[in-house]
């Protein structure tokens, strides 16, 4: 199984048409797993499988 390249918050936002702030909030509150890169800027990288799980939960919640 090939590893996928993690997505930045901006890439995830664009791919799923979700505001960047929504993704950042989900990371900050623990709803979406992400790995913080070192240094002051500390960008977050999100594994595609974790992003897909989070999106699936949002869709399930919205349709309930």
N, C-alpha and C. Protein backbone atom coordinates (compact mmCIF):
# COMPACT_ATOMS: atom_id res chain seq x y z
N UNK A 1 0.84 -1.18 0.00
CA UNK A 1 0.00 0.00 0.00
C UNK A 1 0.89 1.25 0.00
N UNK A 2 0.67 2.14 -0.91
CA UNK A 2 1.47 3.35 -1.03
C UNK A 2 1.00 4.41 -0.04
N UNK A 3 1.95 5.10 0.54
CA UNK A 3 1.63 6.17 1.47
C UNK A 3 1.17 7.40 0.67
N UNK A 4 0.20 8.11 1.21
CA UNK A 4 -0.25 9.33 0.55
C UNK A 4 0.47 10.53 1.15
N UNK A 5 0.58 11.56 0.38
CA UNK A 5 1.21 12.79 0.85
C UNK A 5 0.21 13.55 1.70
N UNK A 6 0.61 13.97 2.90
CA UNK A 6 -0.32 14.73 3.75
C UNK A 6 -0.72 16.05 3.10
N UNK A 7 -1.88 16.52 3.46
CA UNK A 7 -2.41 17.77 2.92
C UNK A 7 -2.23 18.91 3.92
N UNK A 8 -2.01 20.10 3.42
CA UNK A 8 -2.00 21.28 4.27
C UNK A 8 -3.45 21.68 4.54
N UNK A 9 -3.64 22.58 5.47
CA UNK A 9 -4.99 23.08 5.75
C UNK A 9 -5.59 23.71 4.50
N UNK A 10 -4.79 24.48 3.77
CA UNK A 10 -5.29 25.13 2.56
C UNK A 10 -5.69 24.11 1.49
N UNK A 11 -4.89 23.06 1.33
CA UNK A 11 -5.21 22.03 0.35
C UNK A 11 -6.48 21.27 0.74
N UNK A 12 -6.60 20.95 2.02
CA UNK A 12 -7.79 20.26 2.50
C UNK A 12 -9.03 21.12 2.31
N UNK A 13 -8.88 22.41 2.58
CA UNK A 13 -9.98 23.36 2.41
C UNK A 13 -10.45 23.40 0.97
N UNK A 14 -9.50 23.47 0.07
CA UNK A 14 -9.82 23.54 -1.35
C UNK A 14 -10.42 22.23 -1.86
N UNK A 15 -9.86 21.12 -1.43
CA UNK A 15 -10.32 19.81 -1.90
C UNK A 15 -11.77 19.54 -1.50
N UNK A 16 -12.16 19.93 -0.29
CA UNK A 16 -13.51 19.62 0.21
C UNK A 16 -14.42 20.84 0.28
N UNK A 17 -13.95 21.99 -0.17
CA UNK A 17 -14.75 23.21 -0.15
C UNK A 17 -15.27 23.52 1.26
N UNK A 18 -14.35 23.44 2.22
CA UNK A 18 -14.64 23.75 3.62
C UNK A 18 -13.74 24.92 4.00
N UNK A 19 -14.27 25.92 4.70
CA UNK A 19 -13.42 27.05 5.08
C UNK A 19 -12.18 26.61 5.87
N UNK A 20 -11.05 27.27 5.62
CA UNK A 20 -9.83 26.94 6.34
C UNK A 20 -10.02 27.07 7.85
N UNK A 21 -10.75 28.07 8.26
CA UNK A 21 -10.97 28.30 9.70
C UNK A 21 -11.72 27.13 10.32
N UNK A 22 -12.64 26.52 9.60
CA UNK A 22 -13.37 25.35 10.10
C UNK A 22 -12.42 24.19 10.33
N UNK A 23 -11.50 23.99 9.41
CA UNK A 23 -10.52 22.92 9.55
C UNK A 23 -9.58 23.22 10.71
N UNK A 24 -9.13 24.45 10.82
CA UNK A 24 -8.25 24.84 11.92
C UNK A 24 -8.95 24.64 13.27
N UNK A 25 -10.22 24.97 13.34
CA UNK A 25 -10.98 24.79 14.57
C UNK A 25 -11.10 23.31 14.92
N UNK A 26 -11.36 22.49 13.93
CA UNK A 26 -11.46 21.05 14.16
C UNK A 26 -10.14 20.48 14.67
N UNK A 27 -9.04 20.97 14.17
CA UNK A 27 -7.72 20.53 14.64
C UNK A 27 -7.52 20.99 16.08
N UNK A 28 -7.82 22.26 16.35
CA UNK A 28 -7.60 22.83 17.69
C UNK A 28 -8.45 22.14 18.76
N UNK A 29 -9.64 21.69 18.40
CA UNK A 29 -10.54 21.07 19.38
C UNK A 29 -10.41 19.55 19.42
N UNK A 30 -9.53 19.00 18.59
CA UNK A 30 -9.29 17.56 18.61
C UNK A 30 -10.21 16.74 17.73
N UNK A 31 -11.05 17.39 16.96
CA UNK A 31 -11.95 16.66 16.08
C UNK A 31 -11.30 16.14 14.82
N UNK A 32 -10.17 16.70 14.46
CA UNK A 32 -9.44 16.30 13.26
C UNK A 32 -7.97 16.15 13.62
N UNK A 33 -7.43 14.96 13.37
CA UNK A 33 -6.01 14.71 13.65
C UNK A 33 -5.15 15.43 12.63
N UNK A 34 -4.08 16.04 13.11
CA UNK A 34 -3.12 16.69 12.23
C UNK A 34 -1.77 16.72 12.93
N UNK A 35 -0.73 16.79 12.15
CA UNK A 35 0.63 16.85 12.70
C UNK A 35 1.17 18.24 12.47
N UNK A 36 1.63 18.87 13.55
CA UNK A 36 2.18 20.22 13.46
C UNK A 36 3.66 20.14 13.07
N UNK A 37 4.01 20.91 12.08
CA UNK A 37 5.40 20.98 11.65
C UNK A 37 6.17 21.85 12.64
N UNK A 38 7.47 21.60 12.78
CA UNK A 38 8.28 22.39 13.72
C UNK A 38 8.47 23.83 13.25
N UNK A 39 8.96 24.62 14.13
CA UNK A 39 9.27 26.03 13.93
C UNK A 39 8.09 26.92 14.28
N UNK A 40 8.31 28.19 14.17
CA UNK A 40 7.32 29.16 14.59
C UNK A 40 6.06 29.13 13.72
N UNK A 41 6.22 28.98 12.41
CA UNK A 41 5.04 28.98 11.53
C UNK A 41 4.18 27.75 11.79
N UNK A 42 4.82 26.60 12.04
CA UNK A 42 4.13 25.40 12.46
C UNK A 42 2.90 25.03 11.65
N UNK A 43 3.04 24.90 10.37
CA UNK A 43 1.91 24.49 9.54
C UNK A 43 1.43 23.11 9.97
N UNK A 44 0.16 22.84 9.77
CA UNK A 44 -0.40 21.53 10.08
C UNK A 44 -0.48 20.70 8.80
N UNK A 45 -0.19 19.42 8.94
CA UNK A 45 -0.35 18.48 7.83
C UNK A 45 -1.36 17.43 8.26
N UNK A 46 -2.27 17.12 7.34
CA UNK A 46 -3.39 16.23 7.64
C UNK A 46 -3.31 15.02 6.72
N UNK A 47 -3.35 13.84 7.33
CA UNK A 47 -3.39 12.61 6.53
C UNK A 47 -4.74 12.54 5.83
N UNK A 48 -4.73 12.12 4.58
CA UNK A 48 -5.97 12.09 3.80
C UNK A 48 -7.02 11.18 4.44
N UNK A 49 -6.60 10.06 5.03
CA UNK A 49 -7.57 9.16 5.68
C UNK A 49 -8.24 9.84 6.87
N UNK A 50 -7.48 10.66 7.64
CA UNK A 50 -8.06 11.37 8.77
C UNK A 50 -9.03 12.45 8.29
N UNK A 51 -8.68 13.12 7.22
CA UNK A 51 -9.55 14.14 6.64
C UNK A 51 -10.85 13.50 6.15
N UNK A 52 -10.73 12.36 5.47
CA UNK A 52 -11.92 11.67 4.97
C UNK A 52 -12.84 11.22 6.10
N UNK A 53 -12.26 10.73 7.20
CA UNK A 53 -13.07 10.34 8.36
C UNK A 53 -13.81 11.54 8.94
N UNK A 54 -13.12 12.65 9.05
CA UNK A 54 -13.72 13.86 9.61
C UNK A 54 -14.85 14.37 8.71
N UNK A 55 -14.62 14.37 7.42
CA UNK A 55 -15.65 14.79 6.46
C UNK A 55 -16.86 13.87 6.57
N UNK A 56 -16.64 12.57 6.66
CA UNK A 56 -17.74 11.61 6.76
C UNK A 56 -18.58 11.87 8.02
N UNK A 57 -17.93 12.20 9.13
CA UNK A 57 -18.67 12.53 10.35
C UNK A 57 -19.50 13.79 10.16
N UNK A 58 -18.94 14.79 9.48
CA UNK A 58 -19.68 16.04 9.24
C UNK A 58 -20.90 15.79 8.37
N UNK A 59 -20.75 14.94 7.35
CA UNK A 59 -21.86 14.64 6.44
C UNK A 59 -22.95 13.89 7.19
N UNK A 60 -22.54 12.92 8.03
CA UNK A 60 -23.50 12.15 8.81
C UNK A 60 -24.27 13.05 9.76
N UNK A 61 -23.56 13.96 10.43
CA UNK A 61 -24.20 14.90 11.36
C UNK A 61 -25.20 15.80 10.62
N UNK A 62 -24.79 16.30 9.47
CA UNK A 62 -25.62 17.23 8.72
C UNK A 62 -26.89 16.57 8.18
N UNK A 63 -26.83 15.29 7.88
CA UNK A 63 -27.99 14.61 7.33
C UNK A 63 -28.89 14.00 8.41
N UNK A 64 -28.47 14.10 9.67
CA UNK A 64 -29.27 13.53 10.76
C UNK A 64 -30.41 14.45 11.16
